[in-house]
Protein backbone atom coordinates (compact mmCIF):
# COMPACT_ATOMS: atom_id res chain seq x y z
CA UNK A 1 -72.94 65.14 -22.38
CA UNK A 2 -69.57 64.41 -23.91
CA UNK A 3 -67.61 61.25 -23.04
CA UNK A 4 -64.38 61.65 -21.06
CA UNK A 5 -61.39 60.77 -23.29
CA UNK A 6 -59.71 57.57 -22.16
CA UNK A 7 -55.92 57.52 -21.65
CA UNK A 8 -53.44 54.99 -23.03
CA UNK A 9 -53.40 51.70 -21.19
CA UNK A 10 -49.60 51.89 -20.88
CA UNK A 11 -49.53 55.49 -19.71
CA UNK A 12 -48.12 54.40 -16.34
CA UNK A 13 -45.20 52.56 -17.99
CA UNK A 14 -43.60 55.40 -19.90
CA UNK A 15 -40.03 54.29 -19.10
CA UNK A 16 -40.54 50.77 -20.39
CA UNK A 17 -42.43 52.07 -23.45
CA UNK A 18 -39.60 54.51 -24.20
CA UNK A 19 -36.98 51.73 -23.98
CA UNK A 20 -38.96 49.43 -26.26
CA UNK A 21 -39.69 52.07 -28.91
CA UNK A 22 -36.29 53.80 -28.87
CA UNK A 23 -33.72 51.35 -27.41
CA UNK A 24 -30.80 53.44 -28.66
CA UNK A 25 -29.86 56.48 -26.60
CA UNK A 26 -30.73 59.70 -28.49
CA UNK A 27 -27.12 60.89 -28.22
CA UNK A 28 -25.75 57.65 -29.74
CA UNK A 29 -28.49 57.73 -32.40
CA UNK A 30 -27.51 61.30 -33.34
CA UNK A 31 -23.82 60.40 -33.55
CA UNK A 32 -24.54 57.35 -35.72
CA UNK A 33 -26.76 59.43 -38.02
CA UNK A 34 -24.06 62.08 -38.42
CA UNK A 35 -21.44 59.39 -39.35
CA UNK A 36 -23.83 57.92 -41.87
CA UNK A 37 -24.46 61.34 -43.48
CA UNK A 38 -20.72 61.92 -43.67
CA UNK A 39 -20.24 58.62 -45.54
CA UNK A 40 -18.22 56.97 -42.72
CA UNK A 41 -18.67 53.28 -41.77
CA UNK A 42 -20.34 52.45 -38.46
CA UNK A 43 -18.13 52.86 -35.39
CA UNK A 44 -18.44 49.20 -34.43
CA UNK A 45 -19.16 46.01 -36.26
CA UNK A 46 -19.59 42.55 -34.72
CA UNK A 47 -18.93 40.89 -38.03
CA UNK A 48 -15.64 42.59 -38.77
CA UNK A 49 -12.74 40.38 -39.98
CA UNK A 50 -10.52 41.31 -37.04
CA UNK A 51 -13.09 40.15 -34.56
CA UNK A 52 -13.52 36.83 -36.36
CA UNK A 53 -9.73 36.25 -36.51
CA UNK A 54 -9.39 37.14 -32.82
CA UNK A 55 -12.14 34.70 -31.83
CA UNK A 56 -10.54 31.90 -33.88
CA UNK A 57 -7.18 32.49 -32.24
CA UNK A 58 -8.70 32.44 -28.71
CA UNK A 59 -10.53 29.19 -29.52
CA UNK A 60 -7.34 27.57 -30.83
CA UNK A 61 -5.40 28.58 -27.73
CA UNK A 62 -8.07 27.22 -25.40
CA UNK A 63 -8.22 23.90 -27.28
CA UNK A 64 -4.43 23.56 -27.20
CA UNK A 65 -4.32 24.27 -23.47
CA UNK A 66 -7.03 21.71 -22.75
CA UNK A 67 -5.23 19.03 -24.75
CA UNK A 68 -1.94 19.78 -22.99
CA UNK A 69 -3.59 19.42 -19.57
CA UNK A 70 -5.42 16.19 -20.42
CA UNK A 71 -2.54 14.42 -22.17
CA UNK A 72 0.86 14.03 -20.41
CA UNK A 73 3.91 15.11 -22.28
CA UNK A 74 5.93 12.49 -24.11
CA UNK A 75 9.00 13.11 -21.96
CA UNK A 76 7.04 12.57 -18.72
CA UNK A 77 5.55 9.35 -20.03
CA UNK A 78 8.97 8.04 -21.10
CA UNK A 79 10.46 8.84 -17.67
CA UNK A 80 7.58 7.08 -15.90
CA UNK A 81 7.91 4.01 -18.15
CA UNK A 82 11.65 3.87 -17.52
CA UNK A 83 11.18 4.06 -13.73
CA UNK A 84 8.49 1.36 -13.77
CA UNK A 85 10.80 -0.86 -15.83
CA UNK A 86 13.66 -0.36 -13.41
CA UNK A 87 11.46 -1.16 -10.43
CA UNK A 88 10.17 -4.36 -12.03
CA UNK A 89 13.70 -5.42 -13.04
CA UNK A 90 15.04 -4.78 -9.52
CA UNK A 91 12.15 -6.74 -8.01
CA UNK A 92 12.75 -9.67 -10.33
CA UNK A 93 16.47 -9.60 -9.48
CA UNK A 94 15.72 -9.55 -5.76
CA UNK A 95 13.35 -12.51 -6.09
CA UNK A 96 15.96 -14.47 -8.03
CA UNK A 97 18.61 -13.70 -5.41
CA UNK A 98 16.23 -14.77 -2.65
CA UNK A 99 15.67 -18.12 -4.36
CA UNK A 100 19.42 -18.49 -4.85
CA UNK A 101 20.06 -17.81 -1.16
CA UNK A 102 17.41 -20.34 -0.18
CA UNK A 103 19.07 -22.98 -2.36
CA UNK A 104 22.50 -22.32 -0.88
CA UNK A 105 21.03 -22.43 2.64
CA UNK A 106 19.58 -25.85 1.89
CA UNK A 107 22.95 -27.10 0.67
CA UNK A 108 24.69 -25.69 3.77
CA UNK A 109 22.16 -27.34 6.08
CA UNK A 110 22.60 -30.68 4.34
CA UNK A 111 26.40 -30.46 4.53
CA UNK A 112 26.18 -29.42 8.17
CA UNK A 113 23.96 -32.35 9.05
CA UNK A 114 26.32 -34.75 7.28
CA UNK A 115 29.36 -33.35 9.15
CA UNK A 116 27.61 -33.66 12.50
CA UNK A 117 26.56 -37.19 11.73
CA UNK A 118 30.09 -38.22 10.82
CA UNK A 119 31.43 -36.84 14.13
CA UNK A 120 28.77 -38.66 16.17
CA UNK A 121 27.29 -35.39 17.38
CA UNK A 122 23.67 -36.54 17.37
CA UNK A 123 22.72 -34.50 20.42
CA UNK A 124 24.25 -31.37 18.98
CA UNK A 125 22.43 -31.90 15.70
CA UNK A 126 19.11 -32.22 17.55
CA UNK A 127 19.80 -29.07 19.54
CA UNK A 128 20.76 -27.20 16.39
CA UNK A 129 17.56 -28.28 14.63
CA UNK A 130 15.51 -26.95 17.55
CA UNK A 131 17.37 -23.62 17.49
CA UNK A 132 16.82 -23.28 13.75
CA UNK A 133 13.09 -23.79 14.23
CA UNK A 134 13.01 -21.20 17.01
CA UNK A 135 15.02 -18.71 14.97
CA UNK A 136 12.80 -19.28 11.90
CA UNK A 137 15.58 -20.21 9.48
CA UNK A 138 13.90 -23.39 8.29
CA UNK A 139 10.41 -24.12 7.01
CA UNK A 140 7.92 -25.83 9.29
CA UNK A 141 4.80 -27.92 8.62
CA UNK A 142 1.93 -28.58 10.98
CA UNK A 143 -1.71 -27.99 11.80
CA UNK A 144 -2.92 -24.45 12.23
CA UNK A 145 -5.14 -21.75 10.82
CA UNK A 146 -5.19 -19.18 8.01
CA UNK A 147 -6.71 -15.70 8.48
CA UNK A 148 -7.37 -13.84 5.20
CA UNK A 149 -7.82 -10.08 5.63
CA UNK A 150 -8.82 -7.76 2.78
CA UNK A 151 -10.05 -4.18 2.25
CA UNK A 152 -13.74 -3.41 2.44
CA UNK A 153 -15.66 -3.52 -0.87
CA UNK A 154 -15.74 -0.24 -2.75
CA UNK A 155 -19.47 0.25 -2.15
CA UNK A 156 -19.27 -0.35 1.62
CA UNK A 157 -18.52 2.60 3.86
CA UNK A 158 -17.98 2.87 7.56
CA UNK A 159 -21.08 1.94 9.53
CA UNK A 160 -19.80 3.78 12.60
CA UNK A 161 -17.34 6.52 11.61
CA UNK A 162 -17.12 7.80 15.20
CA UNK A 163 -15.77 4.51 16.61
CA UNK A 164 -12.43 4.06 14.86
CA UNK A 165 -10.44 1.49 16.92
CA UNK A 166 -7.23 3.16 15.84
CA UNK A 167 -8.60 6.70 16.44
CA UNK A 168 -7.45 7.81 13.00
CA UNK A 169 -9.23 10.60 11.16
CA UNK A 170 -9.10 11.69 7.58
CA UNK A 171 -8.14 8.28 6.16
CA UNK A 172 -9.98 5.51 4.36
CA UNK A 173 -11.08 3.32 7.26
CA UNK A 174 -12.09 0.55 4.87
CA UNK A 175 -8.45 -0.18 3.94
CA UNK A 176 -6.28 -2.62 5.86
CA UNK A 177 -3.29 -0.93 7.44
CA UNK A 178 -0.03 -2.16 8.92
CA UNK A 179 -1.29 -1.55 12.47
CA UNK A 180 -4.24 -3.85 11.79
CA UNK A 181 -1.95 -6.70 10.80
CA UNK A 182 0.29 -6.04 13.79
CA UNK A 183 -2.62 -6.38 16.24
CA UNK A 184 -3.94 -9.53 14.56
CA UNK A 185 -0.45 -11.15 14.51
CA UNK A 186 0.13 -10.28 18.19
CA UNK A 187 -3.22 -11.87 18.97
CA UNK A 188 -2.06 -15.08 17.28
CA UNK A 189 1.18 -15.09 19.31
CA UNK A 190 -0.89 -14.62 22.48
CA UNK A 191 -3.15 -17.52 21.42
CA UNK A 192 -0.16 -19.88 21.31
CA UNK A 193 0.98 -19.80 17.68
CA UNK A 194 4.35 -21.48 17.18
CA UNK A 195 5.17 -19.94 13.77
CA UNK A 196 3.51 -17.19 11.69
CA UNK A 197 3.90 -15.92 8.13
CA UNK A 198 2.17 -13.12 6.22
CA UNK A 199 1.77 -13.73 2.48
CA UNK A 200 4.58 -16.28 2.69
CA UNK A 201 7.01 -14.04 4.63
CA UNK A 202 8.13 -15.63 7.91
CA UNK A 203 7.82 -13.53 11.06
CA UNK A 204 10.82 -13.90 13.36
CA UNK A 205 12.06 -12.01 16.38
CA UNK A 206 13.73 -9.55 14.02
CA UNK A 207 10.83 -9.12 11.60
CA UNK A 208 8.66 -6.03 11.40
CA UNK A 209 5.37 -5.05 9.80
CA UNK A 210 5.60 -1.49 8.51
CA UNK A 211 4.07 0.78 5.88
CA UNK A 212 5.52 2.88 3.09
CA UNK A 213 2.87 5.20 1.74
CA UNK A 214 -0.15 3.01 1.11
CA UNK A 215 1.89 -0.22 0.85
CA UNK A 216 2.31 -2.66 3.76
CA UNK A 217 5.81 -4.13 4.19
CA UNK A 218 6.98 -7.30 5.93
CA UNK A 219 10.74 -7.70 6.15
CA UNK A 220 10.99 -4.71 3.76
CA UNK A 221 9.01 -6.59 1.06
CA UNK A 222 5.74 -5.06 -0.11
CA UNK A 223 2.57 -7.16 0.20
CA UNK A 224 -0.28 -7.50 -2.23
CA UNK A 225 -3.80 -7.76 -0.89
CA UNK A 226 -5.50 -9.90 0.26
CA UNK A 227 -3.28 -10.55 3.26
CA UNK A 228 -3.05 -14.22 4.26
CA UNK A 229 -1.80 -14.69 7.83
CA UNK A 230 -0.77 -18.35 8.36
CA UNK A 231 -0.16 -19.66 11.89
CA UNK A 232 0.89 -23.10 13.17
CA UNK A 233 -0.44 -24.30 16.48
CA UNK A 234 -2.94 -26.54 18.17
CA UNK A 235 -6.01 -26.17 15.96
CA UNK A 236 -8.32 -26.96 18.86
CA UNK A 237 -7.15 -24.14 21.14
CA UNK A 238 -5.56 -21.69 18.70
CA UNK A 239 -8.82 -20.49 17.17
CA UNK A 240 -10.62 -20.37 20.52
CA UNK A 241 -7.86 -18.42 22.26
CA UNK A 242 -7.56 -16.01 19.34
CA UNK A 243 -11.30 -15.31 19.32
CA UNK A 244 -11.19 -14.53 23.06
CA UNK A 245 -8.17 -12.20 23.11
CA UNK A 246 -7.61 -8.65 21.85
CA UNK A 247 -6.56 -9.77 18.33
CA UNK A 248 -9.80 -11.60 17.64
CA UNK A 249 -11.92 -8.80 19.10
CA UNK A 250 -10.08 -6.24 16.96
CA UNK A 251 -10.64 -8.27 13.79
CA UNK A 252 -14.34 -8.58 14.61
CA UNK A 253 -14.51 -4.78 15.17
CA UNK A 254 -12.94 -4.15 11.76
CA UNK A 255 -15.50 -6.42 10.12
CA UNK A 256 -18.55 -4.94 11.87
CA UNK A 257 -17.68 -1.24 11.87
CA UNK A 258 -15.71 -0.78 8.64
CA UNK A 259 -16.65 -3.64 6.34
CA UNK A 260 -13.10 -5.06 6.28
CA UNK A 261 -13.27 -8.68 5.21
CA UNK A 262 -11.75 -11.30 7.53
CA UNK A 263 -12.03 -15.03 6.94
CA UNK A 264 -10.70 -17.63 9.42
CA UNK A 265 -10.09 -21.21 8.34
CA UNK A 266 -8.65 -24.09 10.37
CA UNK A 267 -6.30 -26.37 8.43
CA UNK A 268 -4.94 -29.85 9.19
CA UNK A 269 -1.62 -28.97 7.61
CA UNK A 270 -0.01 -25.64 6.64
CA UNK A 271 3.50 -24.81 5.48
CA UNK A 272 5.41 -21.77 6.74
CA UNK A 273 8.70 -21.08 4.89
CA UNK A 274 11.95 -20.13 6.59
CA UNK A 275 13.41 -16.64 6.57
CA UNK A 276 16.43 -16.64 4.23
CA UNK A 277 17.57 -13.18 5.37
CA UNK A 278 18.99 -14.63 8.59
CA UNK A 279 22.67 -15.51 8.19
CA UNK A 280 25.51 -16.83 10.32
CA UNK A 281 27.82 -14.05 11.50
CA UNK A 282 29.88 -15.75 14.23
CA UNK A 283 30.69 -19.35 15.09
CA UNK A 284 33.01 -21.29 17.42
CA UNK A 285 34.12 -24.90 16.94
CA UNK A 286 32.85 -27.42 19.44
CA UNK A 287 35.46 -29.23 21.54
CA UNK A 288 35.40 -32.88 20.51
CA UNK A 289 37.73 -35.81 19.94
CA UNK A 290 38.64 -34.27 16.60
CA UNK A 291 39.34 -30.73 17.74
CA UNK A 292 40.24 -30.94 21.45
CA UNK A 293 43.98 -30.96 20.75
CA UNK A 294 43.79 -27.86 18.58
CA UNK A 295 43.34 -24.47 20.29
CA UNK A 296 39.98 -22.98 19.40
CA UNK A 297 40.10 -19.78 17.41
CA UNK A 298 37.35 -17.48 16.24
CA UNK A 299 38.20 -15.64 13.06
CA UNK A 300 41.85 -15.11 14.09
CA UNK A 301 41.06 -13.92 17.63
CA UNK A 302 42.31 -15.30 20.96
CA UNK A 303 40.21 -18.19 22.30
CA UNK A 304 37.50 -17.11 24.68
CA UNK A 305 36.55 -18.68 27.98
CA UNK A 306 32.84 -18.18 27.40
CA UNK A 307 30.64 -21.24 26.61
CA UNK A 308 30.63 -22.39 23.01
CA UNK A 309 27.61 -21.13 21.07
CA UNK A 310 26.40 -20.31 17.61
CA UNK A 311 24.71 -16.97 17.01
CA UNK A 312 22.44 -16.29 14.06
CA UNK A 313 21.40 -12.74 13.43
CA UNK A 314 19.98 -10.72 10.62
CA UNK A 315 22.34 -8.51 8.65
């Protein structure tokens, strides 16, 4: 009895076997063999000089493009440096002019007090001093509190992103915004504050807290964080009333929900500067023993029958 011949173990994989043994298509193989017999070079060559030169050129272009995108052009850098220099110079000039205006205001106030004292107008001087305090043109000193507000730390996110007290979406809720300072300041006024400043800028009836981009402005001057809100008032009731009203509740909400830092300190004495932007635009002389025989005039106009008053407004 003869043994049955055994087949190849890979007989069922003829397609794979054919591809492994003859990877080149028979037609391509025949064409290549005919070119070789005719003495012609191969149709393609991956090591040809043109291919190498082309690859080098592509690599150089890609490297140049990457460097151009990563490094700003010299002209752009020069323009940016020039703009930054102009901004810093303008800011320094504005600060110098503000100090100059404050010095002149002090001289004017001293001369005014001397003139009123010489004319025995003690009551008028007292009334004027009270009006200056109410208008915020002079600095004031007294007991009060300081609230320091700052952005949340970089590693602290919102604990409750669905409970934004300002109902704002798509913004960094860990950053202090102008509306936050407005609510806190209004809470201090409600608590009985007599004078308030933010980072040394006095808040008067004509002041405003606004924003320009990501910067917060007070009296059109940009603030630098942290934001120190100084208020003068009865230290015993000011902090209690603020904690109980909407301003204190809002500050607590910012701290709990968004990680915004808020520190409240009671001080025995704080200083709030005056607002030098306020200036005298109209004035009328007071009828006295010195001026009663001279008709009153106001900048060349006919005397008015309205009561004598001094008006201070912002330009």
